[in-house]
Amino acid sequence: MRGGYSYPKHIPMKIAQEFREFISRGSVVDLAVGVIIGAAFGKIVTSLVQDIIMPPIGALMKGINFNSLFICLNGVTYDSLDAAKKAGAPVIGYGAFINTAIEFVIVAACVFAIVKAVNKIKRVEFSVTPPPTKSEVLLEEIRDLLKK
């Protein structure tokens, strides 16, 4: 090859083989499943916050809908957040931020609970002492005979 680098033809095959081995590992599949379940869990938490938690809080605060809370930065007053966005006004939607912050706290609490449960299970697995091996049993018997 003129003026360029020529790499051996077996390198692309080796990379493809390594990639196939990487993908076929269990941890990659576990990660993919975790991401998919995490995305679905995120939707559930979003619905929980928007449809179940925030309406009663809004009702307690005299009917405030947190998603509609915003500050318009150009000084013009708009009836709703949607109207301000349609007009192209610069807005800070702090109500949506409050909802997202609550969602984050719920997700963080759930992840904390899951990690805590997994750690507890791992501690139980490691705290169980395995039965003595045959050689250990034999040595204990010899020790006991020597004591007599």
N, C-alpha and C. Protein backbone atom coordinates (compact mmCIF):
# COMPACT_ATOMS: atom_id res chain seq x y z
N MET A 1 0.85 -1.17 0.00
CA MET A 1 0.00 0.00 0.00
C MET A 1 0.89 1.23 0.00
N ARG A 2 0.59 2.19 -0.82
CA ARG A 2 1.40 3.39 -0.97
C ARG A 2 0.87 4.54 -0.11
N GLY A 3 1.78 5.17 0.64
CA GLY A 3 1.43 6.38 1.35
C GLY A 3 0.51 6.19 2.54
N GLY A 4 0.27 5.01 2.96
CA GLY A 4 -0.62 4.79 4.10
C GLY A 4 -0.20 3.60 4.91
N TYR A 5 -0.90 3.38 5.99
CA TYR A 5 -0.60 2.26 6.85
C TYR A 5 -1.45 1.08 6.45
N SER A 6 -0.83 -0.05 6.35
CA SER A 6 -1.55 -1.28 6.03
C SER A 6 -1.53 -2.16 7.28
N TYR A 7 -2.68 -2.51 7.75
CA TYR A 7 -2.75 -3.37 8.93
C TYR A 7 -3.06 -4.79 8.48
N PRO A 8 -2.64 -5.76 9.29
CA PRO A 8 -2.90 -7.15 8.92
C PRO A 8 -4.40 -7.42 8.82
N LYS A 9 -4.75 -8.31 7.91
CA LYS A 9 -6.16 -8.60 7.65
C LYS A 9 -6.85 -9.33 8.79
N HIS A 10 -6.09 -9.97 9.67
CA HIS A 10 -6.70 -10.72 10.76
C HIS A 10 -7.17 -9.82 11.91
N ILE A 11 -6.74 -8.57 11.95
CA ILE A 11 -7.11 -7.68 13.06
C ILE A 11 -8.62 -7.42 13.11
N PRO A 12 -9.30 -7.09 12.00
CA PRO A 12 -10.75 -6.90 12.12
C PRO A 12 -11.47 -8.15 12.61
N MET A 13 -11.02 -9.33 12.22
CA MET A 13 -11.64 -10.56 12.68
C MET A 13 -11.41 -10.75 14.18
N LYS A 14 -10.19 -10.38 14.65
CA LYS A 14 -9.89 -10.52 16.06
C LYS A 14 -10.76 -9.57 16.89
N ILE A 15 -10.93 -8.36 16.41
CA ILE A 15 -11.78 -7.39 17.11
C ILE A 15 -13.22 -7.89 17.14
N ALA A 16 -13.70 -8.42 16.01
CA ALA A 16 -15.07 -8.94 15.96
C ALA A 16 -15.23 -10.10 16.93
N GLN A 17 -14.23 -10.96 17.02
CA GLN A 17 -14.30 -12.10 17.94
C GLN A 17 -14.31 -11.61 19.40
N GLU A 18 -13.45 -10.63 19.71
CA GLU A 18 -13.43 -10.09 21.07
C GLU A 18 -14.75 -9.43 21.41
N PHE A 19 -15.34 -8.71 20.44
CA PHE A 19 -16.61 -8.05 20.67
C PHE A 19 -17.71 -9.08 20.93
N ARG A 20 -17.72 -10.16 20.15
CA ARG A 20 -18.70 -11.22 20.33
C ARG A 20 -18.56 -11.85 21.71
N GLU A 21 -17.31 -12.08 22.17
CA GLU A 21 -17.08 -12.64 23.50
C GLU A 21 -17.55 -11.66 24.58
N PHE A 22 -17.30 -10.36 24.36
CA PHE A 22 -17.72 -9.33 25.31
C PHE A 22 -19.23 -9.31 25.44
N ILE A 23 -19.93 -9.34 24.32
CA ILE A 23 -21.39 -9.29 24.32
C ILE A 23 -21.99 -10.55 24.95
N SER A 24 -21.35 -11.68 24.76
CA SER A 24 -21.92 -12.93 25.26
C SER A 24 -21.69 -13.13 26.76
N ARG A 25 -20.91 -12.27 27.38
CA ARG A 25 -20.71 -12.38 28.83
C ARG A 25 -22.01 -12.09 29.56
N GLY A 26 -22.20 -12.72 30.67
CA GLY A 26 -23.41 -12.52 31.44
C GLY A 26 -23.56 -11.12 31.98
N SER A 27 -22.45 -10.47 32.33
CA SER A 27 -22.54 -9.14 32.92
C SER A 27 -23.10 -8.12 31.93
N VAL A 28 -22.79 -8.27 30.66
CA VAL A 28 -23.32 -7.34 29.66
C VAL A 28 -24.82 -7.51 29.52
N VAL A 29 -25.27 -8.75 29.51
CA VAL A 29 -26.70 -9.02 29.43
C VAL A 29 -27.40 -8.50 30.68
N ASP A 30 -26.79 -8.73 31.85
CA ASP A 30 -27.36 -8.21 33.09
C ASP A 30 -27.46 -6.69 33.06
N LEU A 31 -26.43 -6.04 32.54
CA LEU A 31 -26.45 -4.59 32.43
C LEU A 31 -27.57 -4.13 31.51
N ALA A 32 -27.74 -4.79 30.38
CA ALA A 32 -28.80 -4.42 29.45
C ALA A 32 -30.18 -4.58 30.11
N VAL A 33 -30.37 -5.67 30.81
CA VAL A 33 -31.64 -5.89 31.51
C VAL A 33 -31.85 -4.80 32.57
N GLY A 34 -30.79 -4.45 33.29
CA GLY A 34 -30.88 -3.41 34.30
C GLY A 34 -31.26 -2.06 33.71
N VAL A 35 -30.69 -1.74 32.56
CA VAL A 35 -31.02 -0.46 31.91
C VAL A 35 -32.48 -0.44 31.48
N ILE A 36 -32.94 -1.53 30.91
CA ILE A 36 -34.34 -1.60 30.45
C ILE A 36 -35.30 -1.50 31.64
N ILE A 37 -35.02 -2.25 32.69
CA ILE A 37 -35.87 -2.19 33.87
C ILE A 37 -35.79 -0.81 34.52
N GLY A 38 -34.60 -0.22 34.53
CA GLY A 38 -34.43 1.11 35.09
C GLY A 38 -35.25 2.16 34.34
N ALA A 39 -35.29 2.05 33.01
CA ALA A 39 -36.09 2.99 32.22
C ALA A 39 -37.57 2.84 32.55
N ALA A 40 -38.02 1.60 32.65
CA ALA A 40 -39.43 1.37 33.00
C ALA A 40 -39.71 1.86 34.42
N PHE A 41 -38.78 1.64 35.34
CA PHE A 41 -38.95 2.10 36.71
C PHE A 41 -39.02 3.62 36.77
N GLY A 42 -38.21 4.28 35.92
CA GLY A 42 -38.24 5.74 35.86
C GLY A 42 -39.61 6.26 35.44
N LYS A 43 -40.24 5.58 34.51
CA LYS A 43 -41.58 5.98 34.07
C LYS A 43 -42.59 5.80 35.21
N ILE A 44 -42.45 4.73 35.95
CA ILE A 44 -43.35 4.48 37.08
C ILE A 44 -43.18 5.58 38.14
N VAL A 45 -41.94 5.92 38.43
CA VAL A 45 -41.69 6.96 39.43
C VAL A 45 -42.22 8.31 38.95
N THR A 46 -42.04 8.61 37.67
CA THR A 46 -42.56 9.86 37.12
C THR A 46 -44.08 9.92 37.28
N SER A 47 -44.75 8.85 36.95
CA SER A 47 -46.19 8.80 37.11
C SER A 47 -46.58 8.91 38.59
N LEU A 48 -45.84 8.23 39.46
CA LEU A 48 -46.12 8.30 40.89
C LEU A 48 -46.05 9.74 41.38
N VAL A 49 -45.00 10.45 40.98
CA VAL A 49 -44.84 11.83 41.44
C VAL A 49 -45.91 12.73 40.84
N GLN A 50 -46.08 12.67 39.51
CA GLN A 50 -46.98 13.60 38.83
C GLN A 50 -48.46 13.29 39.08
N ASP A 51 -48.80 12.02 39.16
CA ASP A 51 -50.21 11.64 39.23
C ASP A 51 -50.72 11.32 40.64
N ILE A 52 -49.82 10.99 41.57
CA ILE A 52 -50.27 10.57 42.89
C ILE A 52 -49.75 11.49 44.01
N ILE A 53 -48.47 11.81 43.98
CA ILE A 53 -47.90 12.59 45.09
C ILE A 53 -48.18 14.08 44.96
N MET A 54 -47.94 14.65 43.78
CA MET A 54 -48.04 16.10 43.64
C MET A 54 -49.47 16.65 43.67
N PRO A 55 -50.49 15.96 43.13
CA PRO A 55 -51.84 16.52 43.23
C PRO A 55 -52.32 16.79 44.66
N PRO A 56 -52.14 15.85 45.60
CA PRO A 56 -52.56 16.19 46.97
C PRO A 56 -51.74 17.34 47.58
N ILE A 57 -50.45 17.37 47.26
CA ILE A 57 -49.63 18.48 47.77
C ILE A 57 -50.13 19.79 47.18
N GLY A 58 -50.43 19.78 45.87
CA GLY A 58 -50.99 20.97 45.23
C GLY A 58 -52.32 21.36 45.84
N ALA A 59 -53.16 20.38 46.15
CA ALA A 59 -54.46 20.66 46.76
C ALA A 59 -54.30 21.28 48.14
N LEU A 60 -53.33 20.77 48.90
CA LEU A 60 -53.07 21.34 50.21
C LEU A 60 -52.54 22.78 50.12
N MET A 61 -51.91 23.08 48.99
CA MET A 61 -51.37 24.42 48.78
C MET A 61 -52.32 25.26 47.93
N LYS A 62 -53.60 25.07 48.12
CA LYS A 62 -54.65 25.85 47.46
C LYS A 62 -54.68 25.64 45.95
N GLY A 63 -54.59 24.41 45.52
CA GLY A 63 -54.78 24.07 44.11
C GLY A 63 -53.63 24.37 43.18
N ILE A 64 -52.43 24.45 43.71
CA ILE A 64 -51.28 24.76 42.86
C ILE A 64 -50.88 23.52 42.06
N ASN A 65 -50.72 23.70 40.75
CA ASN A 65 -50.19 22.67 39.88
C ASN A 65 -48.71 22.98 39.69
N PHE A 66 -47.84 22.16 40.24
CA PHE A 66 -46.42 22.45 40.21
C PHE A 66 -45.85 22.53 38.79
N ASN A 67 -46.40 21.75 37.87
CA ASN A 67 -45.91 21.80 36.50
C ASN A 67 -46.15 23.15 35.84
N SER A 68 -47.09 23.91 36.36
CA SER A 68 -47.40 25.20 35.74
C SER A 68 -46.66 26.36 36.40
N LEU A 69 -45.84 26.10 37.38
CA LEU A 69 -45.10 27.17 38.05
C LEU A 69 -43.88 27.56 37.22
N PHE A 70 -43.78 28.85 36.92
CA PHE A 70 -42.66 29.32 36.11
C PHE A 70 -42.41 30.79 36.38
N ILE A 71 -41.23 31.23 35.99
CA ILE A 71 -40.86 32.65 36.04
C ILE A 71 -40.50 33.05 34.62
N CYS A 72 -41.13 34.09 34.12
CA CYS A 72 -40.84 34.59 32.79
C CYS A 72 -39.74 35.65 32.91
N LEU A 73 -38.67 35.49 32.15
CA LEU A 73 -37.51 36.36 32.29
C LEU A 73 -37.57 37.64 31.45
N ASN A 74 -38.55 37.75 30.55
CA ASN A 74 -38.60 38.96 29.72
C ASN A 74 -39.56 40.02 30.27
N GLY A 75 -40.14 39.74 31.44
CA GLY A 75 -41.00 40.73 32.08
C GLY A 75 -42.44 40.72 31.61
N VAL A 76 -42.76 39.92 30.59
CA VAL A 76 -44.13 39.84 30.09
C VAL A 76 -44.88 38.79 30.89
N THR A 77 -46.14 39.04 31.16
CA THR A 77 -46.97 38.09 31.90
C THR A 77 -47.73 37.20 30.92
N TYR A 78 -47.66 35.91 31.16
CA TYR A 78 -48.37 34.93 30.33
C TYR A 78 -49.31 34.14 31.22
N ASP A 79 -50.39 33.67 30.63
CA ASP A 79 -51.39 32.92 31.39
C ASP A 79 -50.90 31.55 31.83
N SER A 80 -50.04 30.94 31.01
CA SER A 80 -49.56 29.60 31.33
C SER A 80 -48.14 29.42 30.82
N LEU A 81 -47.52 28.37 31.30
CA LEU A 81 -46.18 28.03 30.86
C LEU A 81 -46.17 27.70 29.37
N ASP A 82 -47.20 27.00 28.91
CA ASP A 82 -47.30 26.66 27.49
C ASP A 82 -47.40 27.92 26.63
N ALA A 83 -48.19 28.88 27.07
CA ALA A 83 -48.33 30.13 26.31
C ALA A 83 -47.00 30.87 26.24
N ALA A 84 -46.26 30.88 27.33
CA ALA A 84 -44.96 31.55 27.34
C ALA A 84 -43.98 30.85 26.41
N LYS A 85 -44.00 29.53 26.43
CA LYS A 85 -43.10 28.77 25.54
C LYS A 85 -43.48 28.96 24.08
N LYS A 86 -44.78 28.97 23.77
CA LYS A 86 -45.22 29.19 22.39
C LYS A 86 -44.82 30.57 21.89
N ALA A 87 -44.80 31.54 22.79
CA ALA A 87 -44.40 32.90 22.41
C ALA A 87 -42.88 33.02 22.31
N GLY A 88 -42.18 31.99 22.71
CA GLY A 88 -40.72 32.01 22.64
C GLY A 88 -40.08 32.79 23.77
N ALA A 89 -40.80 33.00 24.84
CA ALA A 89 -40.29 33.75 25.98
C ALA A 89 -39.31 32.89 26.77
N PRO A 90 -38.27 33.52 27.30
CA PRO A 90 -37.35 32.77 28.17
C PRO A 90 -38.00 32.55 29.53
N VAL A 91 -38.12 31.29 29.92
CA VAL A 91 -38.79 30.96 31.18
C VAL A 91 -37.94 30.01 32.01
N ILE A 92 -38.14 30.12 33.31
CA ILE A 92 -37.56 29.15 34.24
C ILE A 92 -38.74 28.35 34.79
N GLY A 93 -38.81 27.08 34.41
CA GLY A 93 -39.91 26.22 34.86
C GLY A 93 -39.55 25.54 36.15
N TYR A 94 -39.57 26.28 37.25
CA TYR A 94 -39.14 25.71 38.53
C TYR A 94 -40.12 24.68 39.08
N GLY A 95 -41.36 24.70 38.65
CA GLY A 95 -42.32 23.68 39.09
C GLY A 95 -41.95 22.31 38.57
N ALA A 96 -41.56 22.25 37.29
CA ALA A 96 -41.12 20.98 36.72
C ALA A 96 -39.85 20.50 37.41
N PHE A 97 -38.99 21.45 37.79
CA PHE A 97 -37.77 21.09 38.51
C PHE A 97 -38.11 20.48 39.87
N ILE A 98 -39.10 21.04 40.55
CA ILE A 98 -39.52 20.48 41.85
C ILE A 98 -39.99 19.03 41.67
N ASN A 99 -40.80 18.80 40.63
CA ASN A 99 -41.26 17.43 40.35
C ASN A 99 -40.08 16.50 40.09
N THR A 100 -39.13 16.95 39.28
CA THR A 100 -37.97 16.12 38.94
C THR A 100 -37.11 15.86 40.18
N ALA A 101 -36.97 16.85 41.05
CA ALA A 101 -36.20 16.66 42.28
C ALA A 101 -36.86 15.61 43.17
N ILE A 102 -38.19 15.65 43.25
CA ILE A 102 -38.91 14.66 44.06
C ILE A 102 -38.75 13.27 43.45
N GLU A 103 -38.82 13.19 42.12
CA GLU A 103 -38.60 11.90 41.45
C GLU A 103 -37.21 11.37 41.77
N PHE A 104 -36.21 12.24 41.75
CA PHE A 104 -34.84 11.82 42.05
C PHE A 104 -34.74 11.27 43.46
N VAL A 105 -35.35 11.94 44.42
CA VAL A 105 -35.30 11.49 45.81
C VAL A 105 -35.95 10.11 45.94
N ILE A 106 -37.07 9.90 45.24
CA ILE A 106 -37.74 8.59 45.30
C ILE A 106 -36.86 7.51 44.69
N VAL A 107 -36.28 7.79 43.52
CA VAL A 107 -35.40 6.80 42.87
C VAL A 107 -34.19 6.52 43.75
N ALA A 108 -33.58 7.57 44.31
CA ALA A 108 -32.42 7.38 45.18
C ALA A 108 -32.78 6.53 46.41
N ALA A 109 -33.96 6.77 46.99
CA ALA A 109 -34.39 5.97 48.14
C ALA A 109 -34.60 4.51 47.75
N CYS A 110 -35.18 4.28 46.57
CA CYS A 110 -35.38 2.90 46.11
C CYS A 110 -34.05 2.20 45.85
N VAL A 111 -33.13 2.89 45.20
CA VAL A 111 -31.81 2.30 44.94
C VAL A 111 -31.10 2.02 46.26
N PHE A 112 -31.20 2.95 47.21
CA PHE A 112 -30.60 2.73 48.52
C PHE A 112 -31.18 1.48 49.18
N ALA A 113 -32.50 1.33 49.12
CA ALA A 113 -33.14 0.17 49.73
C ALA A 113 -32.69 -1.12 49.05
N ILE A 114 -32.58 -1.09 47.73
CA ILE A 114 -32.15 -2.30 47.00
C ILE A 114 -30.71 -2.65 47.36
N VAL A 115 -29.82 -1.64 47.36
CA VAL A 115 -28.41 -1.89 47.69
C VAL A 115 -28.29 -2.40 49.13
N LYS A 116 -29.06 -1.83 50.03
CA LYS A 116 -29.03 -2.27 51.42
C LYS A 116 -29.48 -3.73 51.55
N ALA A 117 -30.55 -4.09 50.81
CA ALA A 117 -31.03 -5.47 50.85
C ALA A 117 -30.00 -6.43 50.26
N VAL A 118 -29.38 -6.05 49.16
CA VAL A 118 -28.37 -6.91 48.53
C VAL A 118 -27.18 -7.08 49.48
N ASN A 119 -26.75 -5.99 50.11
CA ASN A 119 -25.63 -6.09 51.06
C ASN A 119 -25.98 -6.99 52.23
N LYS A 120 -27.22 -6.92 52.70
CA LYS A 120 -27.65 -7.78 53.81
C LYS A 120 -27.63 -9.25 53.38
N ILE A 121 -28.09 -9.52 52.18
CA ILE A 121 -28.08 -10.89 51.66
C ILE A 121 -26.65 -11.39 51.53
N LYS A 122 -25.76 -10.53 51.03
CA LYS A 122 -24.35 -10.93 50.89
C LYS A 122 -23.73 -11.21 52.25
N ARG A 123 -24.05 -10.39 53.26
CA ARG A 123 -23.51 -10.62 54.60
C ARG A 123 -23.98 -11.95 55.15
N VAL A 124 -25.23 -12.31 54.90
CA VAL A 124 -25.77 -13.58 55.39
C VAL A 124 -25.06 -14.73 54.69
N GLU A 125 -24.82 -14.60 53.38
CA GLU A 125 -24.14 -15.67 52.64
C GLU A 125 -22.74 -15.89 53.18
N PHE A 126 -22.02 -14.80 53.50
CA PHE A 126 -20.65 -14.94 53.95
C PHE A 126 -20.54 -15.28 55.42
N SER A 127 -21.59 -15.02 56.20
CA SER A 127 -21.51 -15.31 57.62
C SER A 127 -21.74 -16.79 57.91
N VAL A 128 -22.31 -17.52 56.99
CA VAL A 128 -22.52 -18.95 57.18
C VAL A 128 -21.18 -19.65 57.00
N THR A 129 -20.73 -20.34 58.07
CA THR A 129 -19.45 -21.03 57.98
C THR A 129 -19.64 -22.36 57.27
N PRO A 130 -18.76 -22.65 56.34
CA PRO A 130 -18.89 -23.92 55.63
C PRO A 130 -18.54 -25.07 56.57
N PRO A 131 -19.10 -26.25 56.31
CA PRO A 131 -18.78 -27.41 57.15
C PRO A 131 -17.30 -27.76 57.01
N PRO A 132 -16.72 -28.34 58.05
CA PRO A 132 -15.29 -28.68 57.98
C PRO A 132 -15.03 -29.75 56.91
N THR A 133 -13.84 -29.64 56.34
CA THR A 133 -13.45 -30.62 55.32
C THR A 133 -13.14 -31.95 55.99
N LYS A 134 -12.98 -32.99 55.17
CA LYS A 134 -12.69 -34.31 55.72
C LYS A 134 -11.36 -34.31 56.47
N SER A 135 -10.39 -33.59 55.93
CA SER A 135 -9.09 -33.56 56.62
C SER A 135 -9.19 -32.84 57.95
N GLU A 136 -10.01 -31.79 58.03
CA GLU A 136 -10.18 -31.09 59.29
C GLU A 136 -10.87 -31.99 60.32
N VAL A 137 -11.87 -32.73 59.88
CA VAL A 137 -12.56 -33.65 60.79
C VAL A 137 -11.58 -34.71 61.28
N LEU A 138 -10.78 -35.23 60.38
CA LEU A 138 -9.80 -36.26 60.75
C LEU A 138 -8.79 -35.70 61.74
N LEU A 139 -8.32 -34.49 61.51
CA LEU A 139 -7.36 -33.88 62.43
C LEU A 139 -7.98 -33.64 63.80
N GLU A 140 -9.26 -33.24 63.83
CA GLU A 140 -9.94 -33.05 65.11
C GLU A 140 -10.06 -34.38 65.86
N GLU A 141 -10.36 -35.45 65.13
CA GLU A 141 -10.46 -36.77 65.77
C GLU A 141 -9.11 -37.20 66.34
N ILE A 142 -8.05 -36.94 65.60
CA ILE A 142 -6.70 -37.30 66.08
C ILE A 142 -6.37 -36.47 67.33
N ARG A 143 -6.69 -35.18 67.28
CA ARG A 143 -6.44 -34.32 68.44
C ARG A 143 -7.20 -34.83 69.66
N ASP A 144 -8.47 -35.20 69.47
CA ASP A 144 -9.27 -35.69 70.59
C ASP A 144 -8.72 -37.00 71.15
N LEU A 145 -8.22 -37.89 70.26
CA LEU A 145 -7.62 -39.15 70.73
C LEU A 145 -6.34 -38.88 71.50
N LEU A 146 -5.56 -37.92 71.05
CA LEU A 146 -4.30 -37.60 71.75
C LEU A 146 -4.57 -36.99 73.13
N LYS A 147 -5.67 -36.26 73.27
CA LYS A 147 -6.02 -35.68 74.56
C LYS A 147 -6.35 -36.75 75.58
N LYS A 148 -6.95 -37.87 75.12
CA LYS A 148 -7.34 -38.95 76.03
C LYS A 148 -6.10 -39.65 76.47
